[in-house]
Amino acid sequence: QVQLVESGGGSVQAGESLRLSCAASGTIFRLTAMNWYRQALGKQRELVASISSDGATIHAGSVKGRFTISRDNAKATWYLQMNSLKPEGAAVYYCDLPRYDSWGQGTQVTVSS
């Protein structure tokens, strides 16, 4: 069974940065594709960024140029570097490994203006 644990959330001012981490445990293919989602209060969950098994990345238009998804294969850990955070970026952020249908518990990001 694959388990994911997100960390790195917190409260920041607009314009500041955070780096989220998603650590996987269990037997996994470390190059597996991975997604970061977020869900703001009262809104639907939205895809923020993805990284494929071959390392190709996609970022939502609303975060392109400010957020960067990456991974550390040796550590089975994925990251979301979030720069120039905006108040609308406040949400619970989740990581997901589609191949294993595994989700983390989420990490809260609060951005004040």
PDB file of N, CA and C in Angstrom:
ATOM      1  N   GLN A   1       0.859  -1.191   0.000  1.00  0.00           N
ATOM      2  CA  GLN A   1       0.000   0.000   0.000  1.00  0.00           C
ATOM      3  C   GLN A   1       0.892   1.237   0.000  1.00  0.00           C
ATOM      4  N   VAL A   2       0.579   2.149  -0.885  1.00  0.00           N
ATOM      5  CA  VAL A   2       1.360   3.379  -1.002  1.00  0.00           C
ATOM      6  C   VAL A   2       0.710   4.459  -0.157  1.00  0.00           C
ATOM      7  N   GLN A   3       1.524   5.118   0.637  1.00  0.00           N
ATOM      8  CA  GLN A   3       1.036   6.235   1.444  1.00  0.00           C
ATOM      9  C   GLN A   3       1.801   7.498   1.074  1.00  0.00           C
ATOM     10  N   LEU A   4       1.090   8.610   1.056  1.00  0.00           N
ATOM     11  CA  LEU A   4       1.681   9.905   0.736  1.00  0.00           C
ATOM     12  C   LEU A   4       1.499  10.843   1.917  1.00  0.00           C
ATOM     13  N   VAL A   5       2.538  11.604   2.204  1.00  0.00           N
ATOM     14  CA  VAL A   5       2.471  12.582   3.280  1.00  0.00           C
ATOM     15  C   VAL A   5       2.962  13.919   2.749  1.00  0.00           C
ATOM     16  N   GLU A   6       2.063  14.904   2.755  1.00  0.00           N
ATOM     17  CA  GLU A   6       2.440  16.249   2.336  1.00  0.00           C
ATOM     18  C   GLU A   6       2.936  17.041   3.532  1.00  0.00           C
ATOM     19  N   SER A   7       3.801  17.995   3.264  1.00  0.00           N
ATOM     20  CA  SER A   7       4.286  18.902   4.301  1.00  0.00           C
ATOM     21  C   SER A   7       4.735  20.196   3.646  1.00  0.00           C
ATOM     22  N   GLY A   8       4.995  21.188   4.475  1.00  0.00           N
ATOM     23  CA  GLY A   8       5.534  22.440   3.966  1.00  0.00           C
ATOM     24  C   GLY A   8       4.547  23.578   3.876  1.00  0.00           C
ATOM     25  N   GLY A   9       3.281  23.289   4.152  1.00  0.00           N
ATOM     26  CA  GLY A   9       2.302  24.360   4.126  1.00  0.00           C
ATOM     27  C   GLY A   9       2.500  25.327   5.280  1.00  0.00           C
ATOM     28  N   GLY A  10       1.780  26.427   5.223  1.00  0.00           N
ATOM     29  CA  GLY A  10       1.891  27.416   6.295  1.00  0.00           C
ATOM     30  C   GLY A  10       1.189  28.693   5.914  1.00  0.00           C
ATOM     31  N   SER A  11       1.419  29.711   6.707  1.00  0.00           N
ATOM     32  CA  SER A  11       0.826  31.026   6.483  1.00  0.00           C
ATOM     33  C   SER A  11       1.911  31.992   6.042  1.00  0.00           C
ATOM     34  N   VAL A  12       1.675  32.644   4.931  1.00  0.00           N
ATOM     35  CA  VAL A  12       2.646  33.590   4.393  1.00  0.00           C
ATOM     36  C   VAL A  12       1.930  34.854   3.940  1.00  0.00           C
ATOM     37  N   GLN A  13       2.729  35.873   3.690  1.00  0.00           N
ATOM     38  CA  GLN A  13       2.221  37.100   3.093  1.00  0.00           C
ATOM     39  C   GLN A  13       2.270  36.965   1.576  1.00  0.00           C
ATOM     40  N   ALA A  14       1.421  37.690   0.907  1.00  0.00           N
ATOM     41  CA  ALA A  14       1.447  37.717  -0.551  1.00  0.00           C
ATOM     42  C   ALA A  14       2.841  38.115  -1.034  1.00  0.00           C
ATOM     43  N   GLY A  15       3.309  37.405  -2.058  1.00  0.00           N
ATOM     44  CA  GLY A  15       4.640  37.662  -2.588  1.00  0.00           C
ATOM     45  C   GLY A  15       5.715  36.750  -2.036  1.00  0.00           C
ATOM     46  N   GLU A  16       5.416  36.069  -0.944  1.00  0.00           N
ATOM     47  CA  GLU A  16       6.393  35.171  -0.342  1.00  0.00           C
ATOM     48  C   GLU A  16       6.337  33.789  -0.985  1.00  0.00           C
ATOM     49  N   SER A  17       7.220  32.918  -0.501  1.00  0.00           N
ATOM     50  CA  SER A  17       7.362  31.596  -1.110  1.00  0.00           C
ATOM     51  C   SER A  17       7.167  30.483  -0.087  1.00  0.00           C
ATOM     52  N   LEU A  18       6.782  29.328  -0.594  1.00  0.00           N
ATOM     53  CA  LEU A  18       6.723  28.097   0.181  1.00  0.00           C
ATOM     54  C   LEU A  18       7.159  26.952  -0.718  1.00  0.00           C
ATOM     55  N   ARG A  19       7.683  25.907  -0.101  1.00  0.00           N
ATOM     56  CA  ARG A  19       7.965  24.690  -0.851  1.00  0.00           C
ATOM     57  C   ARG A  19       7.237  23.535  -0.188  1.00  0.00           C
ATOM     58  N   LEU A  20       6.337  22.943  -0.934  1.00  0.00           N
ATOM     59  CA  LEU A  20       5.605  21.790  -0.448  1.00  0.00           C
ATOM     60  C   LEU A  20       6.348  20.512  -0.812  1.00  0.00           C
ATOM     61  N   SER A  21       6.232  19.532   0.056  1.00  0.00           N
ATOM     62  CA  SER A  21       6.833  18.226  -0.197  1.00  0.00           C
ATOM     63  C   SER A  21       5.767  17.151  -0.122  1.00  0.00           C
ATOM     64  N   CYS A  22       5.973  16.099  -0.874  1.00  0.00           N
ATOM     65  CA  CYS A  22       5.078  14.941  -0.855  1.00  0.00           C
ATOM     66  C   CYS A  22       5.972  13.710  -0.836  1.00  0.00           C
ATOM     67  N   ALA A  23       6.003  13.041   0.294  1.00  0.00           N
ATOM     68  CA  ALA A  23       6.861  11.873   0.461  1.00  0.00           C
ATOM     69  C   ALA A  23       6.029  10.608   0.362  1.00  0.00           C
ATOM     70  N   ALA A  24       6.526   9.671  -0.428  1.00  0.00           N
ATOM     71  CA  ALA A  24       5.816   8.414  -0.625  1.00  0.00           C
ATOM     72  C   ALA A  24       6.501   7.281   0.124  1.00  0.00           C
ATOM     73  N   SER A  25       5.704   6.420   0.687  1.00  0.00           N
ATOM     74  CA  SER A  25       6.228   5.214   1.315  1.00  0.00           C
ATOM     75  C   SER A  25       5.511   4.009   0.734  1.00  0.00           C
ATOM     76  N   GLY A  26       6.173   2.865   0.815  1.00  0.00           N
ATOM     77  CA  GLY A  26       5.629   1.667   0.199  1.00  0.00           C
ATOM     78  C   GLY A  26       6.388   1.346  -1.076  1.00  0.00           C
ATOM     79  N   THR A  27       5.950   0.331  -1.757  1.00  0.00           N
ATOM     80  CA  THR A  27       6.621  -0.105  -2.970  1.00  0.00           C
ATOM     81  C   THR A  27       6.055   0.655  -4.160  1.00  0.00           C
ATOM     82  N   ILE A  28       6.889   1.539  -4.732  1.00  0.00           N
ATOM     83  CA  ILE A  28       6.430   2.322  -5.870  1.00  0.00           C
ATOM     84  C   ILE A  28       7.517   2.385  -6.923  1.00  0.00           C
ATOM     85  N   PHE A  29       7.086   2.694  -8.124  1.00  0.00           N
ATOM     86  CA  PHE A  29       7.997   3.038  -9.201  1.00  0.00           C
ATOM     87  C   PHE A  29       8.308   4.513  -9.034  1.00  0.00           C
ATOM     88  N   ARG A  30       9.538   4.851  -8.695  1.00  0.00           N
ATOM     89  CA  ARG A  30       9.863   6.205  -8.279  1.00  0.00           C
ATOM     90  C   ARG A  30       9.760   7.237  -9.393  1.00  0.00           C
ATOM     91  N   LEU A  31       9.668   6.776 -10.611  1.00  0.00           N
ATOM     92  CA  LEU A  31       9.500   7.719 -11.705  1.00  0.00           C
ATOM     93  C   LEU A  31       8.033   7.852 -12.104  1.00  0.00           C
ATOM     94  N   THR A  32       7.153   7.369 -11.272  1.00  0.00           N
ATOM     95  CA  THR A  32       5.743   7.423 -11.618  1.00  0.00           C
ATOM     96  C   THR A  32       5.249   8.853 -11.724  1.00  0.00           C
ATOM     97  N   ALA A  33       4.237   9.035 -12.523  1.00  0.00           N
ATOM     98  CA  ALA A  33       3.647  10.369 -12.669  1.00  0.00           C
ATOM     99  C   ALA A  33       3.013  10.817 -11.369  1.00  0.00           C
ATOM    100  N   MET A  34       2.980  12.121 -11.190  1.00  0.00           N
ATOM    101  CA  MET A  34       2.461  12.684  -9.933  1.00  0.00           C
ATOM    102  C   MET A  34       1.786  14.015 -10.210  1.00  0.00           C
ATOM    103  N   ASN A  35       0.733  14.283  -9.461  1.00  0.00           N
ATOM    104  CA  ASN A  35      -0.009  15.530  -9.608  1.00  0.00           C
ATOM    105  C   ASN A  35      -0.083  16.269  -8.287  1.00  0.00           C
ATOM    106  N   TRP A  36      -0.061  17.588  -8.371  1.00  0.00           N
ATOM    107  CA  TRP A  36      -0.419  18.445  -7.246  1.00  0.00           C
ATOM    108  C   TRP A  36      -1.773  19.083  -7.554  1.00  0.00           C
ATOM    109  N   TYR A  37      -2.679  18.985  -6.604  1.00  0.00           N
ATOM    110  CA  TYR A  37      -3.978  19.619  -6.691  1.00  0.00           C
ATOM    111  C   TYR A  37      -4.116  20.602  -5.530  1.00  0.00           C
ATOM    112  N   ARG A  38      -5.085  21.472  -5.651  1.00  0.00           N
ATOM    113  CA  ARG A  38      -5.454  22.322  -4.528  1.00  0.00           C
ATOM    114  C   ARG A  38      -6.962  22.503  -4.507  1.00  0.00           C
ATOM    115  N   GLN A  39      -7.453  22.729  -3.310  1.00  0.00           N
ATOM    116  CA  GLN A  39      -8.882  22.981  -3.132  1.00  0.00           C
ATOM    117  C   GLN A  39      -9.057  24.122  -2.153  1.00  0.00           C
ATOM    118  N   ALA A  40      -9.592  25.210  -2.646  1.00  0.00           N
ATOM    119  CA  ALA A  40      -9.892  26.353  -1.790  1.00  0.00           C
ATOM    120  C   ALA A  40     -11.269  26.155  -1.177  1.00  0.00           C
ATOM    121  N   LEU A  41     -11.501  26.834  -0.093  1.00  0.00           N
ATOM    122  CA  LEU A  41     -12.765  26.704   0.627  1.00  0.00           C
ATOM    123  C   LEU A  41     -13.930  27.054  -0.285  1.00  0.00           C
ATOM    124  N   GLY A  42     -14.859  26.134  -0.412  1.00  0.00           N
ATOM    125  CA  GLY A  42     -16.048  26.373  -1.203  1.00  0.00           C
ATOM    126  C   GLY A  42     -15.860  26.203  -2.689  1.00  0.00           C
ATOM    127  N   LYS A  43     -14.683  25.740  -3.099  1.00  0.00           N
ATOM    128  CA  LYS A  43     -14.403  25.587  -4.529  1.00  0.00           C
ATOM    129  C   LYS A  43     -14.043  24.136  -4.848  1.00  0.00           C
ATOM    130  N   GLN A  44     -14.091  23.833  -6.117  1.00  0.00           N
ATOM    131  CA  GLN A  44     -13.724  22.489  -6.557  1.00  0.00           C
ATOM    132  C   GLN A  44     -12.209  22.319  -6.547  1.00  0.00           C
ATOM    133  N   ARG A  45     -11.807  21.077  -6.409  1.00  0.00           N
ATOM    134  CA  ARG A  45     -10.381  20.759  -6.473  1.00  0.00           C
ATOM    135  C   ARG A  45      -9.882  21.028  -7.891  1.00  0.00           C
ATOM    136  N   GLU A  46      -8.705  21.645  -7.986  1.00  0.00           N
ATOM    137  CA  GLU A  46      -8.151  21.945  -9.297  1.00  0.00           C
ATOM    138  C   GLU A  46      -6.721  21.439  -9.409  1.00  0.00           C
ATOM    139  N   LEU A  47      -6.361  21.039 -10.607  1.00  0.00           N
ATOM    140  CA  LEU A  47      -5.010  20.567 -10.877  1.00  0.00           C
ATOM    141  C   LEU A  47      -4.064  21.754 -10.967  1.00  0.00           C
ATOM    142  N   VAL A  48      -2.970  21.688 -10.235  1.00  0.00           N
ATOM    143  CA  VAL A  48      -1.999  22.780 -10.206  1.00  0.00           C
ATOM    144  C   VAL A  48      -0.800  22.473 -11.089  1.00  0.00           C
ATOM    145  N   ALA A  49      -0.281  21.250 -10.952  1.00  0.00           N
ATOM    146  CA  ALA A  49       0.917  20.879 -11.710  1.00  0.00           C
ATOM    147  C   ALA A  49       1.020  19.369 -11.784  1.00  0.00           C
ATOM    148  N   SER A  50       1.692  18.899 -12.846  1.00  0.00           N
ATOM    149  CA  SER A  50       1.904  17.470 -13.039  1.00  0.00           C
ATOM    150  C   SER A  50       3.321  17.233 -13.512  1.00  0.00           C
ATOM    151  N   ILE A  51       3.837  16.058 -13.167  1.00  0.00           N
ATOM    152  CA  ILE A  51       5.121  15.623 -13.699  1.00  0.00           C
ATOM    153  C   ILE A  51       4.951  14.187 -14.163  1.00  0.00           C
ATOM    154  N   SER A  52       5.372  13.920 -15.383  1.00  0.00           N
ATOM    155  CA  SER A  52       5.193  12.596 -15.953  1.00  0.00           C
ATOM    156  C   SER A  52       6.357  11.689 -15.563  1.00  0.00           C
ATOM    157  N   SER A  53       6.246  10.426 -15.957  1.00  0.00           N
ATOM    158  CA  SER A  53       7.290   9.469 -15.621  1.00  0.00           C
ATOM    159  C   SER A  53       8.623   9.834 -16.275  1.00  0.00           C
ATOM    160  N   ASP A  54       8.577  10.497 -17.418  1.00  0.00           N
ATOM    161  CA  ASP A  54       9.834  10.886 -18.074  1.00  0.00           C
ATOM    162  C   ASP A  54      10.278  12.289 -17.701  1.00  0.00           C
ATOM    163  N   GLY A  55       9.594  12.903 -16.742  1.00  0.00           N
ATOM    164  CA  GLY A  55      10.040  14.182 -16.220  1.00  0.00           C
ATOM    165  C   GLY A  55       9.414  15.404 -16.853  1.00  0.00           C
ATOM    166  N   ALA A  56       8.538  15.208 -17.815  1.00  0.00           N
ATOM    167  CA  ALA A  56       7.864  16.356 -18.428  1.00  0.00           C
ATOM    168  C   ALA A  56       6.903  16.980 -17.420  1.00  0.00           C
ATOM    169  N   THR A  57       6.847  18.289 -17.408  1.00  0.00           N
ATOM    170  CA  THR A  57       6.007  18.983 -16.428  1.00  0.00           C
ATOM    171  C   THR A  57       4.956  19.842 -17.121  1.00  0.00           C
ATOM    172  N   ILE A  58       3.861  19.994 -16.417  1.00  0.00           N
ATOM    173  CA  ILE A  58       2.776  20.870 -16.848  1.00  0.00           C
ATOM    174  C   ILE A  58       2.340  21.671 -15.643  1.00  0.00           C
ATOM    175  N   HIS A  59       2.127  22.960 -15.837  1.00  0.00           N
ATOM    176  CA  HIS A  59       1.647  23.834 -14.761  1.00  0.00           C
ATOM    177  C   HIS A  59       0.399  24.549 -15.229  1.00  0.00           C
ATOM    178  N   ALA A  60      -0.550  24.685 -14.342  1.00  0.00           N
ATOM    179  CA  ALA A  60      -1.762  25.417 -14.667  1.00  0.00           C
ATOM    180  C   ALA A  60      -1.412  26.853 -15.042  1.00  0.00           C
ATOM    181  N   GLY A  61      -2.222  27.409 -15.910  1.00  0.00           N
ATOM    182  CA  GLY A  61      -1.957  28.761 -16.363  1.00  0.00           C
ATOM    183  C   GLY A  61      -1.888  29.772 -15.236  1.00  0.00           C
ATOM    184  N   SER A  62      -2.691  29.547 -14.203  1.00  0.00           N
ATOM    185  CA  SER A  62      -2.749  30.498 -13.094  1.00  0.00           C
ATOM    186  C   SER A  62      -1.475  30.509 -12.244  1.00  0.00           C
ATOM    187  N   VAL A  63      -0.629  29.476 -12.382  1.00  0.00           N
ATOM    188  CA  VAL A  63       0.582  29.400 -11.573  1.00  0.00           C
ATOM    189  C   VAL A  63       1.841  29.359 -12.420  1.00  0.00           C
ATOM    190  N   LYS A  64       1.688  29.295 -13.720  1.00  0.00           N
ATOM    191  CA  LYS A  64       2.842  29.171 -14.613  1.00  0.00           C
ATOM    192  C   LYS A  64       3.795  30.345 -14.408  1.00  0.00           C
ATOM    193  N   GLY A  65       5.066  30.022 -14.299  1.00  0.00           N
ATOM    194  CA  GLY A  65       6.073  31.047 -14.072  1.00  0.00           C
ATOM    195  C   GLY A  65       6.322  31.343 -12.609  1.00  0.00           C
ATOM    196  N   ARG A  66       5.436  30.859 -11.746  1.00  0.00           N
ATOM    197  CA  ARG A  66       5.614  31.101 -10.297  1.00  0.00           C
ATOM    198  C   ARG A  66       5.796  29.801  -9.521  1.00  0.00           C
ATOM    199  N   PHE A  67       5.135  28.731  -9.951  1.00  0.00           N
ATOM    200  CA  PHE A  67       5.220  27.439  -9.275  1.00  0.00           C
ATOM    201  C   PHE A  67       6.054  26.489 -10.133  1.00  0.00           C
ATOM    202  N   THR A  68       6.764  25.589  -9.476  1.00  0.00           N
ATOM    203  CA  THR A  68       7.555  24.589 -10.183  1.00  0.00           C
ATOM    204  C   THR A  68       7.433  23.240  -9.495  1.00  0.00           C
ATOM    205  N   ILE A  69       7.045  22.240 -10.255  1.00  0.00           N
ATOM    206  CA  ILE A  69       6.969  20.878  -9.741  1.00  0.00           C
ATOM    207  C   ILE A  69       8.289  20.174 -10.045  1.00  0.00           C
ATOM    208  N   SER A  70       8.724  19.346  -9.103  1.00  0.00           N
ATOM    209  CA  SER A  70       9.964  18.594  -9.311  1.00  0.00           C
ATOM    210  C   SER A  70       9.923  17.335  -8.458  1.00  0.00           C
ATOM    211  N   ARG A  71      10.948  16.515  -8.566  1.00  0.00           N
ATOM    212  CA  ARG A  71      10.986  15.291  -7.763  1.00  0.00           C
ATOM    213  C   ARG A  71      12.428  14.914  -7.463  1.00  0.00           C
ATOM    214  N   ASP A  72      12.577  14.180  -6.394  1.00  0.00           N
ATOM    215  CA  ASP A  72      13.853  13.591  -6.014  1.00  0.00           C
ATOM    216  C   ASP A  72      13.652  12.082  -6.075  1.00  0.00           C
ATOM    217  N   ASN A  73      14.154  11.470  -7.135  1.00  0.00           N
ATOM    218  CA  ASN A  73      13.912  10.041  -7.343  1.00  0.00           C
ATOM    219  C   ASN A  73      14.459   9.201  -6.197  1.00  0.00           C
ATOM    220  N   ALA A  74      15.622   9.579  -5.698  1.00  0.00           N
ATOM    221  CA  ALA A  74      16.253   8.784  -4.640  1.00  0.00           C
ATOM    222  C   ALA A  74      15.424   8.780  -3.364  1.00  0.00           C
ATOM    223  N   LYS A  75      14.733   9.868  -3.124  1.00  0.00           N
ATOM    224  CA  LYS A  75      13.966  10.002  -1.884  1.00  0.00           C
ATOM    225  C   LYS A  75      12.488   9.674  -2.081  1.00  0.00           C
ATOM    226  N   ALA A  76      12.070   9.379  -3.307  1.00  0.00           N
ATOM    227  CA  ALA A  76      10.634   9.163  -3.588  1.00  0.00           C
ATOM    228  C   ALA A  76       9.822  10.320  -3.035  1.00  0.00           C
ATOM    229  N   THR A  77      10.277  11.511  -3.316  1.00  0.00           N
ATOM    230  CA  THR A  77       9.638  12.727  -2.817  1.00  0.00           C
ATOM    231  C   THR A  77       9.451  13.688  -3.976  1.00  0.00           C
ATOM    232  N   TRP A  78       8.308  14.309  -3.991  1.00  0.00           N
ATOM    233  CA  TRP A  78       7.982  15.313  -5.003  1.00  0.00           C
ATOM    234  C   TRP A  78       7.824  16.655  -4.310  1.00  0.00           C
ATOM    235  N   TYR A  79       8.031  17.713  -5.072  1.00  0.00           N
ATOM    236  CA  TYR A  79       8.008  19.053  -4.504  1.00  0.00           C
ATOM    237  C   TYR A  79       7.153  19.986  -5.353  1.00  0.00           C
ATOM    238  N   LEU A  80       6.666  21.010  -4.707  1.00  0.00           N
ATOM    239  CA  LEU A  80       6.027  22.114  -5.414  1.00  0.00           C
ATOM    240  C   LEU A  80       6.610  23.397  -4.839  1.00  0.00           C
ATOM    241  N   GLN A  81       7.485  24.023  -5.592  1.00  0.00           N
ATOM    242  CA  GLN A  81       8.042  25.316  -5.193  1.00  0.00           C
ATOM    243  C   GLN A  81       7.064  26.390  -5.618  1.00  0.00           C
ATOM    244  N   MET A  82       6.606  27.172  -4.665  1.00  0.00           N
ATOM    245  CA  MET A  82       5.605  28.191  -4.938  1.00  0.00           C
ATOM    246  C   MET A  82       6.206  29.545  -4.607  1.00  0.00           C
ATOM    247  N   ASN A  83       6.422  30.333  -5.616  1.00  0.00           N
ATOM    248  CA  ASN A  83       6.964  31.677  -5.459  1.00  0.00           C
ATOM    249  C   ASN A  83       5.899  32.717  -5.753  1.00  0.00           C
ATOM    250  N   SER A  84       6.114  33.903  -5.264  1.00  0.00           N
ATOM    251  CA  SER A  84       5.189  35.019  -5.519  1.00  0.00           C
ATOM    252  C   SER A  84       3.743  34.606  -5.250  1.00  0.00           C
ATOM    253  N   LEU A  85       3.518  34.051  -4.088  1.00  0.00           N
ATOM    254  CA  LEU A  85       2.178  33.576  -3.751  1.00  0.00           C
ATOM    255  C   LEU A  85       1.174  34.720  -3.719  1.00  0.00           C
ATOM    256  N   LYS A  86      -0.023  34.399  -4.166  1.00  0.00           N
ATOM    257  CA  LYS A  86      -1.114  35.362  -4.175  1.00  0.00           C
ATOM    258  C   LYS A  86      -2.208  34.901  -3.215  1.00  0.00           C
ATOM    259  N   PRO A  87      -3.039  35.796  -2.751  1.00  0.00           N
ATOM    260  CA  PRO A  87      -4.125  35.392  -1.837  1.00  0.00           C
ATOM    261  C   PRO A  87      -5.014  34.303  -2.426  1.00  0.00           C
ATOM    262  N   GLU A  88      -5.217  34.320  -3.743  1.00  0.00           N
ATOM    263  CA  GLU A  88      -6.053  33.292  -4.360  1.00  0.00           C
ATOM    264  C   GLU A  88      -5.384  31.921  -4.390  1.00  0.00           C
ATOM    265  N   GLY A  89      -4.145  31.845  -3.995  1.00  0.00           N
ATOM    266  CA  GLY A  89      -3.445  30.571  -3.882  1.00  0.00           C
ATOM    267  C   GLY A  89      -3.692  29.866  -2.567  1.00  0.00           C
ATOM    268  N   ALA A  90      -4.426  30.497  -1.674  1.00  0.00           N
ATOM    269  CA  ALA A  90      -4.749  29.885  -0.389  1.00  0.00           C
ATOM    270  C   ALA A  90      -5.682  28.699  -0.603  1.00  0.00           C
ATOM    271  N   ALA A  91      -5.278  27.540  -0.096  1.00  0.00           N
ATOM    272  CA  ALA A  91      -6.036  26.311  -0.321  1.00  0.00           C
ATOM    273  C   ALA A  91      -5.372  25.183   0.449  1.00  0.00           C
ATOM    274  N   VAL A  92      -6.043  24.047   0.437  1.00  0.00           N
ATOM    275  CA  VAL A  92      -5.388  22.817   0.878  1.00  0.00           C
ATOM    276  C   VAL A  92      -4.781  22.173  -0.361  1.00  0.00           C
ATOM    277  N   TYR A  93      -3.511  21.865  -0.291  1.00  0.00           N
ATOM    278  CA  TYR A  93      -2.788  21.277  -1.415  1.00  0.00           C
ATOM    279  C   TYR A  93      -2.611  19.780  -1.182  1.00  0.00           C
ATOM    280  N   TYR A  94      -2.888  19.014  -2.227  1.00  0.00           N
ATOM    281  CA  TYR A  94      -2.826  17.560  -2.159  1.00  0.00           C
ATOM    282  C   TYR A  94      -1.893  17.023  -3.233  1.00  0.00           C
ATOM    283  N   CYS A  95      -1.240  15.924  -2.927  1.00  0.00           N
ATOM    284  CA  CYS A  95      -0.489  15.220  -3.957  1.00  0.00           C
ATOM    285  C   CYS A  95      -1.192  13.905  -4.275  1.00  0.00           C
ATOM    286  N   ASP A  96      -0.949  13.440  -5.489  1.00  0.00           N
ATOM    287  CA  ASP A  96      -1.668  12.279  -6.002  1.00  0.00           C
ATOM    288  C   ASP A  96      -0.751  11.497  -6.926  1.00  0.00           C
ATOM    289  N   LEU A  97      -0.726  10.200  -6.742  1.00  0.00           N
ATOM    290  CA  LEU A  97      -0.036   9.296  -7.659  1.00  0.00           C
ATOM    291  C   LEU A  97      -1.097   8.502  -8.399  1.00  0.00           C
ATOM    292  N   PRO A  98      -1.428   8.879  -9.613  1.00  0.00           N
ATOM    293  CA  PRO A  98      -2.542   8.231 -10.315  1.00  0.00           C
ATOM    294  C   PRO A  98      -2.369   6.724 -10.479  1.00  0.00           C
ATOM    295  N   ARG A  99      -1.138   6.297 -10.701  1.00  0.00           N
ATOM    296  CA  ARG A  99      -0.910   4.868 -10.927  1.00  0.00           C
ATOM    297  C   ARG A  99      -1.335   4.039  -9.722  1.00  0.00           C
ATOM    298  N   TYR A 100      -1.243   4.633  -8.531  1.00  0.00           N
ATOM    299  CA  TYR A 100      -1.530   3.899  -7.318  1.00  0.00           C
ATOM    300  C   TYR A 100      -2.828   4.361  -6.661  1.00  0.00           C
ATOM    301  N   ASP A 101      -3.502   5.300  -7.311  1.00  0.00           N
ATOM    302  CA  ASP A 101      -4.744   5.830  -6.756  1.00  0.00           C
ATOM    303  C   ASP A 101      -4.540   6.207  -5.293  1.00  0.00           C
ATOM    304  N   SER A 102      -3.462   6.909  -5.041  1.00  0.00           N
ATOM    305  CA  SER A 102      -3.111   7.256  -3.675  1.00  0.00           C
ATOM    306  C   SER A 102      -3.070   8.769  -3.516  1.00  0.00           C
ATOM    307  N   TRP A 103      -3.693   9.253  -2.463  1.00  0.00           N
ATOM    308  CA  TRP A 103      -3.735  10.675  -2.152  1.00  0.00           C
ATOM    309  C   TRP A 103      -3.155  10.913  -0.766  1.00  0.00           C
ATOM    310  N   GLY A 104      -2.553  12.090  -0.617  1.00  0.00           N
ATOM    311  CA  GLY A 104      -2.107  12.508   0.699  1.00  0.00           C
ATOM    312  C   GLY A 104      -3.247  13.145   1.467  1.00  0.00           C
ATOM    313  N   GLN A 105      -2.952  13.551   2.687  1.00  0.00           N
ATOM    314  CA  GLN A 105      -3.982  14.131   3.560  1.00  0.00           C
ATOM    315  C   GLN A 105      -4.147  15.628   3.337  1.00  0.00           C
ATOM    316  N   GLY A 106      -3.224  16.212   2.603  1.00  0.00           N
ATOM    317  CA  GLY A 106      -3.301  17.636   2.304  1.00  0.00           C
ATOM    318  C   GLY A 106      -2.483  18.478   3.265  1.00  0.00           C
ATOM    319  N   THR A 107      -2.055  19.615   2.776  1.00  0.00           N
ATOM    320  CA  THR A 107      -1.343  20.586   3.604  1.00  0.00           C
ATOM    321  C   THR A 107      -1.922  21.971   3.321  1.00  0.00           C
ATOM    322  N   GLN A 108      -2.198  22.705   4.374  1.00  0.00           N
ATOM    323  CA  GLN A 108      -2.889  23.990   4.260  1.00  0.00           C
ATOM    324  C   GLN A 108      -1.907  25.104   3.920  1.00  0.00           C
ATOM    325  N   VAL A 109      -2.284  25.902   2.941  1.00  0.00           N
ATOM    326  CA  VAL A 109      -1.526  27.106   2.592  1.00  0.00           C
ATOM    327  C   VAL A 109      -2.455  28.301   2.761  1.00  0.00           C
ATOM    328  N   THR A 110      -2.016  29.258   3.546  1.00  0.00           N
ATOM    329  CA  THR A 110      -2.763  30.489   3.771  1.00  0.00           C
ATOM    330  C   THR A 110      -1.929  31.656   3.287  1.00  0.00           C
ATOM    331  N   VAL A 111      -2.527  32.527   2.498  1.00  0.00           N
ATOM    332  CA  VAL A 111      -1.809  33.678   1.955  1.00  0.00           C
ATOM    333  C   VAL A 111      -2.596  34.934   2.293  1.00  0.00           C
ATOM    334  N   SER A 112      -1.977  35.820   3.021  1.00  0.00           N
ATOM    335  CA  SER A 112      -2.639  37.062   3.407  1.00  0.00           C
ATOM    336  C   SER A 112      -2.109  38.215   2.561  1.00  0.00           C
ATOM    337  N   SER A 113      -2.985  39.147   2.306  1.00  0.00           N
ATOM    338  CA  SER A 113      -2.616  40.286   1.444  1.00  0.00           C
ATOM    339  C   SER A 113      -2.080  41.432   2.264  1.00  0.00           C
TER     340      SER A 113
END
